[in-house]
Amino acid sequence: MLHPSINILPRVLPFMLPLLLALPAQAKDFTVTQKDKKFSQAKLEVKVGDVVNFKNEDPFSHNIFSLSDTKTFDLGSYPQGQSKAVTFEKPGTVEIECSVHPDMKLIVEVKK
């Protein structure tokens, strides 16, 4: 135990608190499944730094991609049971599609 006159917390806390408050929030993981040639939802809202896992539950392959300025990616073709992840680094709207099944569409809104 420290001597009562050596309590540094009141002197350090004013300097540490702003640093602790500035730390980024923990990123969240979301899962969007592909089943019956559809995404499990049409829209999804995430925050910068969040990860979306695209899980294929169909008995055939999907190729999920986006050409949006906010986030451009192509996950390539992957079969049933596999999942691929995308991290969203900046705010904006991301339009996501499947190159194999053009009617599959998903909008991801990335917030700050």
Protein backbone atom coordinates (compact mmCIF):
# COMPACT_ATOMS: atom_id res chain seq x y z
CA MET A 1 0.00 0.00 0.00
CA LEU A 2 1.24 3.45 -0.89
CA HIS A 3 1.77 6.10 1.68
CA PRO A 4 -1.34 8.41 1.69
CA SER A 5 0.76 11.43 0.76
CA ILE A 6 1.91 9.70 -2.45
CA ASN A 7 -1.49 9.38 -4.12
CA ILE A 8 -0.77 10.42 -7.72
CA LEU A 9 -4.17 9.62 -9.23
CA PRO A 10 -5.64 13.12 -8.71
CA ARG A 11 -2.59 14.61 -10.42
CA VAL A 12 -2.52 12.16 -13.34
CA LEU A 13 -6.23 11.75 -14.06
CA PRO A 14 -6.73 15.18 -15.73
CA PHE A 15 -4.04 14.25 -18.27
CA MET A 16 -5.11 10.63 -18.80
CA LEU A 17 -8.86 11.15 -19.16
CA PRO A 18 -8.74 12.95 -22.55
CA LEU A 19 -6.47 10.21 -23.90
CA LEU A 20 -8.81 7.48 -22.72
CA LEU A 21 -11.83 9.23 -24.21
CA ALA A 22 -10.04 9.65 -27.55
CA LEU A 23 -9.49 5.91 -27.97
CA PRO A 24 -11.52 4.49 -30.83
CA ALA A 25 -14.51 2.34 -29.99
CA GLN A 26 -14.10 -1.40 -30.37
CA ALA A 27 -14.95 -2.48 -33.91
CA LYS A 28 -17.97 -4.73 -34.29
CA ASP A 29 -18.42 -7.80 -36.46
CA PHE A 30 -21.56 -8.25 -38.53
CA THR A 31 -22.64 -11.27 -40.57
CA VAL A 32 -24.64 -11.06 -43.77
CA THR A 33 -25.61 -14.43 -45.20
CA GLN A 34 -26.34 -15.33 -48.79
CA LYS A 35 -29.21 -17.81 -49.12
CA ASP A 36 -31.73 -18.46 -51.89
CA LYS A 37 -29.82 -16.01 -54.11
CA LYS A 38 -30.48 -13.16 -51.64
CA PHE A 39 -28.60 -11.28 -48.96
CA SER A 40 -30.08 -11.77 -45.49
CA GLN A 41 -30.88 -8.06 -45.46
CA ALA A 42 -31.18 -5.28 -48.02
CA LYS A 43 -29.56 -2.56 -45.88
CA LEU A 44 -27.01 -2.53 -43.10
CA GLU A 45 -25.62 0.34 -41.02
CA VAL A 46 -22.09 -0.01 -39.62
CA LYS A 47 -19.44 2.30 -38.21
CA VAL A 48 -15.96 3.03 -39.55
CA GLY A 49 -13.71 0.12 -38.58
CA ASP A 50 -16.52 -2.44 -38.40
CA VAL A 51 -16.20 -5.76 -40.22
CA VAL A 52 -18.91 -7.47 -42.26
CA ASN A 53 -18.60 -11.22 -42.81
CA PHE A 54 -20.30 -12.48 -45.95
CA LYS A 55 -21.29 -16.12 -45.38
CA ASN A 56 -22.45 -18.28 -48.26
CA GLU A 57 -25.29 -20.60 -47.21
CA ASP A 58 -26.34 -21.46 -50.77
CA PRO A 59 -25.34 -24.77 -52.40
CA PHE A 60 -23.51 -22.83 -55.13
CA SER A 61 -20.83 -20.15 -55.29
CA HIS A 62 -21.21 -16.39 -54.92
CA ASN A 63 -18.82 -13.58 -55.86
CA ILE A 64 -19.51 -10.53 -53.72
CA PHE A 65 -18.08 -7.19 -54.87
CA SER A 66 -18.44 -3.41 -54.71
CA LEU A 67 -17.33 -0.71 -57.11
CA SER A 68 -18.37 2.10 -54.75
CA ASP A 69 -15.95 4.97 -54.15
CA THR A 70 -16.33 4.48 -50.38
CA LYS A 71 -15.17 0.85 -50.55
CA THR A 72 -14.10 -1.10 -53.62
CA PHE A 73 -13.55 -4.85 -53.26
CA ASP A 74 -14.03 -8.21 -54.97
CA LEU A 75 -14.17 -11.27 -52.71
CA GLY A 76 -13.83 -13.74 -55.56
CA SER A 77 -15.94 -16.84 -55.97
CA TYR A 78 -16.47 -18.93 -52.83
CA PRO A 79 -18.64 -21.98 -52.11
CA GLN A 80 -21.26 -22.92 -49.53
CA GLY A 81 -20.10 -22.78 -45.94
CA GLN A 82 -17.31 -20.30 -46.53
CA SER A 83 -17.25 -16.73 -45.26
CA LYS A 84 -15.21 -13.73 -46.35
CA ALA A 85 -14.76 -10.50 -44.43
CA VAL A 86 -14.64 -6.83 -45.42
CA THR A 87 -13.53 -3.98 -43.14
CA PHE A 88 -15.09 -0.58 -43.80
CA GLU A 89 -12.48 2.18 -43.27
CA LYS A 90 -14.31 5.37 -44.26
CA PRO A 91 -17.84 6.76 -44.04
CA GLY A 92 -20.25 6.69 -46.96
CA THR A 93 -22.60 4.46 -48.91
CA VAL A 94 -21.39 1.13 -50.29
CA GLU A 95 -23.42 -0.70 -52.94
CA ILE A 96 -22.70 -4.43 -52.87
CA GLU A 97 -23.68 -7.02 -55.46
CA CYS A 98 -23.01 -10.60 -56.52
CA SER A 99 -21.42 -10.98 -59.96
CA VAL A 100 -22.97 -14.45 -60.33
CA HIS A 101 -26.49 -13.35 -59.34
CA PRO A 102 -27.04 -9.72 -60.44
CA ASP A 103 -30.38 -9.40 -58.58
CA MET A 104 -28.53 -9.72 -55.26
CA LYS A 105 -28.01 -6.22 -53.88
CA LEU A 106 -27.06 -4.82 -50.48
CA ILE A 107 -26.53 -1.24 -49.31
CA VAL A 108 -24.09 -0.66 -46.43
CA GLU A 109 -24.17 2.77 -44.78
CA VAL A 110 -20.86 3.43 -43.04
CA LYS A 111 -21.13 6.04 -40.29
CA LYS A 112 -18.35 7.86 -38.37
